[in-house]
PDB file of all heavy atoms in Angstrom:
ATOM      1  N   THR A   1      15.709   0.825 -24.771  1.00  0.00           N
ATOM      2  CA  THR A   1      16.598   1.422 -23.789  1.00  0.00           C
ATOM      3  C   THR A   1      17.231   2.667 -24.407  1.00  0.00           C
ATOM      4  O   THR A   1      16.876   3.083 -25.516  1.00  0.00           O
ATOM      5  CB  THR A   1      17.696   0.435 -23.370  1.00  0.00           C
ATOM      6  OG1 THR A   1      18.615   0.247 -24.462  1.00  0.00           O
ATOM      7  CG2 THR A   1      17.108  -0.918 -22.977  1.00  0.00           C
ATOM      8  N   ASP A   2      18.211   3.254 -23.727  1.00  0.00           N
ATOM      9  CA  ASP A   2      18.899   4.419 -24.280  1.00  0.00           C
ATOM     10  C   ASP A   2      19.977   4.054 -25.293  1.00  0.00           C
ATOM     11  O   ASP A   2      20.623   4.948 -25.846  1.00  0.00           O
ATOM     12  CB  ASP A   2      19.543   5.240 -23.152  1.00  0.00           C
ATOM     13  CG  ASP A   2      18.570   6.226 -22.522  1.00  0.00           C
ATOM     14  OD1 ASP A   2      17.464   6.412 -23.059  1.00  0.00           O
ATOM     15  OD2 ASP A   2      18.912   6.807 -21.470  1.00  0.00           O
ATOM     16  N   ARG A   3      20.194   2.784 -25.552  1.00  0.00           N
ATOM     17  CA  ARG A   3      21.185   2.381 -26.556  1.00  0.00           C
ATOM     18  C   ARG A   3      20.770   2.929 -27.913  1.00  0.00           C
ATOM     19  O   ARG A   3      19.612   2.834 -28.303  1.00  0.00           O
ATOM     20  CB  ARG A   3      21.326   0.870 -26.586  1.00  0.00           C
ATOM     21  CG  ARG A   3      21.866   0.300 -25.286  1.00  0.00           C
ATOM     22  CD  ARG A   3      21.926  -1.214 -25.332  1.00  0.00           C
ATOM     23  NE  ARG A   3      22.892  -1.688 -26.310  1.00  0.00           N
ATOM     24  CZ  ARG A   3      23.014  -2.958 -26.691  1.00  0.00           C
ATOM     25  NH1 ARG A   3      22.197  -3.880 -26.172  1.00  0.00           N
ATOM     26  NH2 ARG A   3      23.925  -3.317 -27.561  1.00  0.00           N
ATOM     27  N   SER A   4      21.710   3.493 -28.655  1.00  0.00           N
ATOM     28  CA  SER A   4      21.360   4.290 -29.832  1.00  0.00           C
ATOM     29  C   SER A   4      21.403   3.546 -31.160  1.00  0.00           C
ATOM     30  O   SER A   4      20.892   4.051 -32.158  1.00  0.00           O
ATOM     31  CB  SER A   4      22.291   5.508 -29.916  1.00  0.00           C
ATOM     32  OG  SER A   4      23.649   5.094 -30.056  1.00  0.00           O
ATOM     33  N   ARG A   5      21.973   2.357 -31.228  1.00  0.00           N
ATOM     34  CA  ARG A   5      22.127   1.700 -32.520  1.00  0.00           C
ATOM     35  C   ARG A   5      21.476   0.323 -32.602  1.00  0.00           C
ATOM     36  O   ARG A   5      21.267  -0.206 -33.688  1.00  0.00           O
ATOM     37  CB  ARG A   5      23.612   1.574 -32.887  1.00  0.00           C
ATOM     38  CG  ARG A   5      24.266   2.928 -33.108  1.00  0.00           C
ATOM     39  CD  ARG A   5      25.678   2.811 -33.633  1.00  0.00           C
ATOM     40  NE  ARG A   5      26.243   4.113 -33.920  1.00  0.00           N
ATOM     41  CZ  ARG A   5      26.052   4.775 -35.050  1.00  0.00           C
ATOM     42  NH1 ARG A   5      25.322   4.240 -36.014  1.00  0.00           N
ATOM     43  NH2 ARG A   5      26.593   5.964 -35.226  1.00  0.00           N
ATOM     44  N   THR A   6      21.154  -0.269 -31.492  1.00  0.00           N
ATOM     45  CA  THR A   6      20.558  -1.597 -31.544  1.00  0.00           C
ATOM     46  C   THR A   6      19.238  -1.558 -32.292  1.00  0.00           C
ATOM     47  O   THR A   6      18.434  -0.652 -32.123  1.00  0.00           O
ATOM     48  CB  THR A   6      20.358  -2.157 -30.122  1.00  0.00           C
ATOM     49  OG1 THR A   6      19.694  -3.414 -30.176  1.00  0.00           O
ATOM     50  CG2 THR A   6      19.528  -1.219 -29.257  1.00  0.00           C
ATOM     51  N   GLY A   7      19.045  -2.528 -33.170  1.00  0.00           N
ATOM     52  CA  GLY A   7      17.861  -2.551 -34.016  1.00  0.00           C
ATOM     53  C   GLY A   7      17.997  -1.699 -35.263  1.00  0.00           C
ATOM     54  O   GLY A   7      17.058  -1.603 -36.057  1.00  0.00           O
ATOM     55  N   GLY A   8      19.180  -1.100 -35.456  1.00  0.00           N
ATOM     56  CA  GLY A   8      19.399  -0.208 -36.590  1.00  0.00           C
ATOM     57  C   GLY A   8      19.368   1.237 -36.138  1.00  0.00           C
ATOM     58  O   GLY A   8      18.406   1.666 -35.486  1.00  0.00           O
ATOM     59  N   ALA A   9      20.407   1.997 -36.473  1.00  0.00           N
ATOM     60  CA  ALA A   9      20.541   3.354 -35.932  1.00  0.00           C
ATOM     61  C   ALA A   9      19.353   4.236 -36.288  1.00  0.00           C
ATOM     62  O   ALA A   9      18.806   4.949 -35.435  1.00  0.00           O
ATOM     63  CB  ALA A   9      21.844   3.979 -36.419  1.00  0.00           C
ATOM     64  N   ALA A  10      18.938   4.232 -37.556  1.00  0.00           N
ATOM     65  CA  ALA A  10      17.831   5.093 -37.973  1.00  0.00           C
ATOM     66  C   ALA A  10      16.519   4.660 -37.326  1.00  0.00           C
ATOM     67  O   ALA A  10      15.778   5.472 -36.774  1.00  0.00           O
ATOM     68  CB  ALA A  10      17.708   5.091 -39.490  1.00  0.00           C
ATOM     69  N   LEU A  11      16.252   3.371 -37.395  1.00  0.00           N
ATOM     70  CA  LEU A  11      15.020   2.845 -36.819  1.00  0.00           C
ATOM     71  C   LEU A  11      14.984   3.060 -35.316  1.00  0.00           C
ATOM     72  O   LEU A  11      13.937   3.383 -34.737  1.00  0.00           O
ATOM     73  CB  LEU A  11      14.899   1.354 -37.138  1.00  0.00           C
ATOM     74  CG  LEU A  11      13.746   0.601 -36.474  1.00  0.00           C
ATOM     75  CD1 LEU A  11      12.411   1.210 -36.874  1.00  0.00           C
ATOM     76  CD2 LEU A  11      13.806  -0.868 -36.854  1.00  0.00           C
ATOM     77  N   ASN A  12      16.113   2.897 -34.673  1.00  0.00           N
ATOM     78  CA  ASN A  12      16.200   3.060 -33.231  1.00  0.00           C
ATOM     79  C   ASN A  12      15.686   4.437 -32.813  1.00  0.00           C
ATOM     80  O   ASN A  12      14.843   4.565 -31.919  1.00  0.00           O
ATOM     81  CB  ASN A  12      17.653   2.864 -32.793  1.00  0.00           C
ATOM     82  CG  ASN A  12      17.870   2.972 -31.304  1.00  0.00           C
ATOM     83  OD1 ASN A  12      17.699   4.026 -30.718  1.00  0.00           O
ATOM     84  ND2 ASN A  12      18.276   1.862 -30.701  1.00  0.00           N
ATOM     85  N   ALA A  13      16.183   5.483 -33.466  1.00  0.00           N
ATOM     86  CA  ALA A  13      15.771   6.841 -33.121  1.00  0.00           C
ATOM     87  C   ALA A  13      14.300   7.068 -33.431  1.00  0.00           C
ATOM     88  O   ALA A  13      13.579   7.721 -32.664  1.00  0.00           O
ATOM     89  CB  ALA A  13      16.639   7.846 -33.878  1.00  0.00           C
ATOM     90  N   GLN A  14      13.842   6.521 -34.552  1.00  0.00           N
ATOM     91  CA  GLN A  14      12.446   6.691 -34.941  1.00  0.00           C
ATOM     92  C   GLN A  14      11.514   6.003 -33.947  1.00  0.00           C
ATOM     93  O   GLN A  14      10.496   6.565 -33.526  1.00  0.00           O
ATOM     94  CB  GLN A  14      12.239   6.134 -36.349  1.00  0.00           C
ATOM     95  CG  GLN A  14      12.975   6.911 -37.414  1.00  0.00           C
ATOM     96  CD  GLN A  14      13.056   6.164 -38.731  1.00  0.00           C
ATOM     97  OE1 GLN A  14      12.673   5.006 -38.827  1.00  0.00           O
ATOM     98  NE2 GLN A  14      13.555   6.829 -39.759  1.00  0.00           N
ATOM     99  N   ALA A  15      11.855   4.786 -33.558  1.00  0.00           N
ATOM    100  CA  ALA A  15      11.006   4.029 -32.645  1.00  0.00           C
ATOM    101  C   ALA A  15      10.945   4.688 -31.271  1.00  0.00           C
ATOM    102  O   ALA A  15       9.900   4.668 -30.612  1.00  0.00           O
ATOM    103  CB  ALA A  15      11.525   2.591 -32.523  1.00  0.00           C
ATOM    104  N   LYS A  16      12.060   5.239 -30.820  1.00  0.00           N
ATOM    105  CA  LYS A  16      12.050   5.946 -29.539  1.00  0.00           C
ATOM    106  C   LYS A  16      11.069   7.112 -29.588  1.00  0.00           C
ATOM    107  O   LYS A  16      10.272   7.312 -28.661  1.00  0.00           O
ATOM    108  CB  LYS A  16      13.456   6.438 -29.205  1.00  0.00           C
ATOM    109  CG  LYS A  16      14.399   5.362 -28.666  1.00  0.00           C
ATOM    110  CD  LYS A  16      15.774   5.943 -28.404  1.00  0.00           C
ATOM    111  CE  LYS A  16      16.653   5.008 -27.576  1.00  0.00           C
ATOM    112  NZ  LYS A  16      16.885   3.702 -28.202  1.00  0.00           N
ATOM    113  N   ARG A  17      11.124   7.903 -30.641  1.00  0.00           N
ATOM    114  CA  ARG A  17      10.224   9.043 -30.747  1.00  0.00           C
ATOM    115  C   ARG A  17       8.770   8.572 -30.794  1.00  0.00           C
ATOM    116  O   ARG A  17       7.891   9.137 -30.117  1.00  0.00           O
ATOM    117  CB  ARG A  17      10.556   9.870 -31.983  1.00  0.00           C
ATOM    118  CG  ARG A  17       9.622  11.054 -32.202  1.00  0.00           C
ATOM    119  CD  ARG A  17       9.660  12.032 -31.024  1.00  0.00           C
ATOM    120  NE  ARG A  17       8.696  13.102 -31.208  1.00  0.00           N
ATOM    121  CZ  ARG A  17       8.962  14.227 -31.850  1.00  0.00           C
ATOM    122  NH1 ARG A  17      10.174  14.432 -32.366  1.00  0.00           N
ATOM    123  NH2 ARG A  17       8.042  15.158 -31.965  1.00  0.00           N
ATOM    124  N   ALA A  18       8.497   7.547 -31.566  1.00  0.00           N
ATOM    125  CA  ALA A  18       7.130   7.051 -31.673  1.00  0.00           C
ATOM    126  C   ALA A  18       6.616   6.518 -30.342  1.00  0.00           C
ATOM    127  O   ALA A  18       5.460   6.734 -29.970  1.00  0.00           O
ATOM    128  CB  ALA A  18       7.057   5.962 -32.741  1.00  0.00           C
ATOM    129  N   THR A  19       7.477   5.819 -29.610  1.00  0.00           N
ATOM    130  CA  THR A  19       7.074   5.276 -28.312  1.00  0.00           C
ATOM    131  C   THR A  19       6.746   6.390 -27.326  1.00  0.00           C
ATOM    132  O   THR A  19       5.732   6.330 -26.613  1.00  0.00           O
ATOM    133  CB  THR A  19       8.191   4.384 -27.751  1.00  0.00           C
ATOM    134  OG1 THR A  19       8.431   3.301 -28.653  1.00  0.00           O
ATOM    135  CG2 THR A  19       7.813   3.812 -26.389  1.00  0.00           C
ATOM    136  N   ALA A  20       7.591   7.410 -27.289  1.00  0.00           N
ATOM    137  CA  ALA A  20       7.332   8.532 -26.391  1.00  0.00           C
ATOM    138  C   ALA A  20       6.031   9.233 -26.758  1.00  0.00           C
ATOM    139  O   ALA A  20       5.226   9.583 -25.885  1.00  0.00           O
ATOM    140  CB  ALA A  20       8.504   9.511 -26.445  1.00  0.00           C
ATOM    141  N   GLU A  21       5.794   9.433 -28.045  1.00  0.00           N
ATOM    142  CA  GLU A  21       4.561  10.089 -28.488  1.00  0.00           C
ATOM    143  C   GLU A  21       3.337   9.229 -28.186  1.00  0.00           C
ATOM    144  O   GLU A  21       2.287   9.748 -27.792  1.00  0.00           O
ATOM    145  CB  GLU A  21       4.631  10.384 -29.986  1.00  0.00           C
ATOM    146  CG  GLU A  21       5.630  11.462 -30.366  1.00  0.00           C
ATOM    147  CD  GLU A  21       5.180  12.851 -29.940  1.00  0.00           C
ATOM    148  OE1 GLU A  21       4.003  13.003 -29.542  1.00  0.00           O
ATOM    149  OE2 GLU A  21       6.006  13.781 -30.001  1.00  0.00           O
ATOM    150  N   LEU A  22       3.459   7.938 -28.368  1.00  0.00           N
ATOM    151  CA  LEU A  22       2.329   7.059 -28.094  1.00  0.00           C
ATOM    152  C   LEU A  22       1.963   7.093 -26.607  1.00  0.00           C
ATOM    153  O   LEU A  22       0.780   7.061 -26.248  1.00  0.00           O
ATOM    154  CB  LEU A  22       2.645   5.625 -28.529  1.00  0.00           C
ATOM    155  CG  LEU A  22       1.543   4.583 -28.286  1.00  0.00           C
ATOM    156  CD1 LEU A  22       0.239   4.987 -28.965  1.00  0.00           C
ATOM    157  CD2 LEU A  22       2.004   3.209 -28.764  1.00  0.00           C
ATOM    158  N   GLY A  23       2.959   7.150 -25.746  1.00  0.00           N
ATOM    159  CA  GLY A  23       2.676   7.239 -24.324  1.00  0.00           C
ATOM    160  C   GLY A  23       1.839   8.461 -23.992  1.00  0.00           C
ATOM    161  O   GLY A  23       0.869   8.385 -23.221  1.00  0.00           O
ATOM    162  N   LEU A  24       2.178   9.600 -24.582  1.00  0.00           N
ATOM    163  CA  LEU A  24       1.411  10.822 -24.329  1.00  0.00           C
ATOM    164  C   LEU A  24      -0.001  10.714 -24.885  1.00  0.00           C
ATOM    165  O   LEU A  24      -0.972  11.138 -24.233  1.00  0.00           O
ATOM    166  CB  LEU A  24       2.132  12.016 -24.946  1.00  0.00           C
ATOM    167  CG  LEU A  24       3.481  12.401 -24.335  1.00  0.00           C
ATOM    168  CD1 LEU A  24       4.123  13.513 -25.141  1.00  0.00           C
ATOM    169  CD2 LEU A  24       3.329  12.816 -22.877  1.00  0.00           C
ATOM    170  N   ALA A  25      -0.128  10.162 -26.076  1.00  0.00           N
ATOM    171  CA  ALA A  25      -1.454  10.010 -26.673  1.00  0.00           C
ATOM    172  C   ALA A  25      -2.328   9.086 -25.837  1.00  0.00           C
ATOM    173  O   ALA A  25      -3.535   9.316 -25.670  1.00  0.00           O
ATOM    174  CB  ALA A  25      -1.321   9.476 -28.100  1.00  0.00           C
ATOM    175  N   PHE A  26      -1.721   8.035 -25.304  1.00  0.00           N
ATOM    176  CA  PHE A  26      -2.450   7.101 -24.448  1.00  0.00           C
ATOM    177  C   PHE A  26      -2.945   7.802 -23.186  1.00  0.00           C
ATOM    178  O   PHE A  26      -4.094   7.606 -22.754  1.00  0.00           O
ATOM    179  CB  PHE A  26      -1.519   5.935 -24.105  1.00  0.00           C
ATOM    180  CG  PHE A  26      -2.065   4.966 -23.102  1.00  0.00           C
ATOM    181  CD1 PHE A  26      -3.152   4.162 -23.395  1.00  0.00           C
ATOM    182  CD2 PHE A  26      -1.464   4.836 -21.853  1.00  0.00           C
ATOM    183  CE1 PHE A  26      -3.648   3.249 -22.466  1.00  0.00           C
ATOM    184  CE2 PHE A  26      -1.944   3.931 -20.918  1.00  0.00           C
ATOM    185  CZ  PHE A  26      -3.049   3.134 -21.231  1.00  0.00           C
ATOM    186  N   LEU A  27      -2.107   8.623 -22.593  1.00  0.00           N
ATOM    187  CA  LEU A  27      -2.516   9.319 -21.376  1.00  0.00           C
ATOM    188  C   LEU A  27      -3.625  10.328 -21.661  1.00  0.00           C
ATOM    189  O   LEU A  27      -4.530  10.512 -20.833  1.00  0.00           O
ATOM    190  CB  LEU A  27      -1.318  10.005 -20.731  1.00  0.00           C
ATOM    191  CG  LEU A  27      -0.189   9.088 -20.255  1.00  0.00           C
ATOM    192  CD1 LEU A  27       0.850   9.883 -19.475  1.00  0.00           C
ATOM    193  CD2 LEU A  27      -0.717   7.937 -19.426  1.00  0.00           C
ATOM    194  N   ASP A  28      -3.584  10.982 -22.821  1.00  0.00           N
ATOM    195  CA  ASP A  28      -4.696  11.862 -23.204  1.00  0.00           C
ATOM    196  C   ASP A  28      -5.998  11.080 -23.274  1.00  0.00           C
ATOM    197  O   ASP A  28      -7.052  11.549 -22.836  1.00  0.00           O
ATOM    198  CB  ASP A  28      -4.423  12.495 -24.567  1.00  0.00           C
ATOM    199  CG  ASP A  28      -3.506  13.696 -24.489  1.00  0.00           C
ATOM    200  OD1 ASP A  28      -3.177  14.138 -23.370  1.00  0.00           O
ATOM    201  OD2 ASP A  28      -3.111  14.207 -25.557  1.00  0.00           O
ATOM    202  N   LEU A  29      -5.911   9.898 -23.839  1.00  0.00           N
ATOM    203  CA  LEU A  29      -7.099   9.061 -23.991  1.00  0.00           C
ATOM    204  C   LEU A  29      -7.639   8.610 -22.637  1.00  0.00           C
ATOM    205  O   LEU A  29      -8.841   8.656 -22.379  1.00  0.00           O
ATOM    206  CB  LEU A  29      -6.755   7.853 -24.864  1.00  0.00           C
ATOM    207  CG  LEU A  29      -7.875   6.879 -25.186  1.00  0.00           C
ATOM    208  CD1 LEU A  29      -8.999   7.574 -25.927  1.00  0.00           C
ATOM    209  CD2 LEU A  29      -7.336   5.725 -26.009  1.00  0.00           C
ATOM    210  N   VAL A  30      -6.740   8.200 -21.773  1.00  0.00           N
ATOM    211  CA  VAL A  30      -7.156   7.662 -20.481  1.00  0.00           C
ATOM    212  C   VAL A  30      -7.700   8.750 -19.564  1.00  0.00           C
ATOM    213  O   VAL A  30      -8.769   8.596 -18.965  1.00  0.00           O
ATOM    214  CB  VAL A  30      -5.975   6.935 -19.803  1.00  0.00           C
ATOM    215  CG1 VAL A  30      -6.322   6.560 -18.361  1.00  0.00           C
ATOM    216  CG2 VAL A  30      -5.590   5.696 -20.587  1.00  0.00           C
ATOM    217  N   PHE A  31      -6.968   9.861 -19.459  1.00  0.00           N
ATOM    218  CA  PHE A  31      -7.296  10.844 -18.432  1.00  0.00           C
ATOM    219  C   PHE A  31      -8.160  12.003 -18.922  1.00  0.00           C
ATOM    220  O   PHE A  31      -8.822  12.651 -18.113  1.00  0.00           O
ATOM    221  CB  PHE A  31      -6.018  11.387 -17.808  1.00  0.00           C
ATOM    222  CG  PHE A  31      -5.244  10.348 -17.053  1.00  0.00           C
ATOM    223  CD1 PHE A  31      -3.906  10.106 -17.335  1.00  0.00           C
ATOM    224  CD2 PHE A  31      -5.851   9.602 -16.060  1.00  0.00           C
ATOM    225  CE1 PHE A  31      -3.182   9.148 -16.637  1.00  0.00           C
ATOM    226  CE2 PHE A  31      -5.139   8.627 -15.359  1.00  0.00           C
ATOM    227  CZ  PHE A  31      -3.815   8.412 -15.645  1.00  0.00           C
ATOM    228  N   ALA A  32      -8.129  12.280 -20.219  1.00  0.00           N
ATOM    229  CA  ALA A  32      -8.933  13.378 -20.754  1.00  0.00           C
ATOM    230  C   ALA A  32     -10.054  12.885 -21.648  1.00  0.00           C
ATOM    231  O   ALA A  32     -10.806  13.693 -22.179  1.00  0.00           O
ATOM    232  CB  ALA A  32      -8.043  14.355 -21.519  1.00  0.00           C
ATOM    233  N   GLN A  33     -10.153  11.558 -21.833  1.00  0.00           N
ATOM    234  CA  GLN A  33     -11.136  10.986 -22.746  1.00  0.00           C
ATOM    235  C   GLN A  33     -11.051  11.658 -24.112  1.00  0.00           C
ATOM    236  O   GLN A  33     -12.051  11.938 -24.761  1.00  0.00           O
ATOM    237  CB  GLN A  33     -12.553  11.092 -22.178  1.00  0.00           C
ATOM    238  CG  GLN A  33     -12.810  10.214 -20.974  1.00  0.00           C
ATOM    239  CD  GLN A  33     -12.244  10.792 -19.696  1.00  0.00           C
ATOM    240  OE1 GLN A  33     -12.492  11.953 -19.383  1.00  0.00           O
ATOM    241  NE2 GLN A  33     -11.488  10.006 -18.968  1.00  0.00           N
ATOM    242  N   ASP A  34      -9.821  11.919 -24.542  1.00  0.00           N
ATOM    243  CA  ASP A  34      -9.555  12.629 -25.783  1.00  0.00           C
ATOM    244  C   ASP A  34      -8.702  11.743 -26.691  1.00  0.00           C
ATOM    245  O   ASP A  34      -7.531  11.493 -26.404  1.00  0.00           O
ATOM    246  CB  ASP A  34      -8.826  13.944 -25.476  1.00  0.00           C
ATOM    247  CG  ASP A  34      -8.653  14.829 -26.700  1.00  0.00           C
ATOM    248  OD1 ASP A  34      -8.855  14.337 -27.826  1.00  0.00           O
ATOM    249  OD2 ASP A  34      -8.309  16.014 -26.521  1.00  0.00           O
ATOM    250  N   GLY A  35      -9.309  11.251 -27.755  1.00  0.00           N
ATOM    251  CA  GLY A  35      -8.604  10.354 -28.657  1.00  0.00           C
ATOM    252  C   GLY A  35      -7.963  11.027 -29.837  1.00  0.00           C
ATOM    253  O   GLY A  35      -7.426  10.354 -30.729  1.00  0.00           O
ATOM    254  N   ARG A  36      -7.964  12.358 -29.879  1.00  0.00           N
ATOM    255  CA  ARG A  36      -7.426  13.039 -31.050  1.00  0.00           C
ATOM    256  C   ARG A  36      -5.930  12.812 -31.230  1.00  0.00           C
ATOM    257  O   ARG A  36      -5.459  12.619 -32.360  1.00  0.00           O
ATOM    258  CB  ARG A  36      -7.732  14.539 -30.960  1.00  0.00           C
ATOM    259  CG  ARG A  36      -9.206  14.882 -31.121  1.00  0.00           C
ATOM    260  CD  ARG A  36      -9.461  16.354 -30.888  1.00  0.00           C
ATOM    261  NE  ARG A  36      -9.148  16.730 -29.504  1.00  0.00           N
ATOM    262  CZ  ARG A  36      -9.231  17.984 -29.059  1.00  0.00           C
ATOM    263  NH1 ARG A  36      -9.581  18.959 -29.879  1.00  0.00           N
ATOM    264  NH2 ARG A  36      -8.941  18.249 -27.789  1.00  0.00           N
TER     265      ARG A  36
END
């Protein structure tokens, strides 16, 4: 969620960024057949 400290403040921010990036990479794979 948008909560900033649950799970640890540093990890929380890192995991959010990774999740957002993974979503984009997944969509590239699905719609562009591009796994790079």
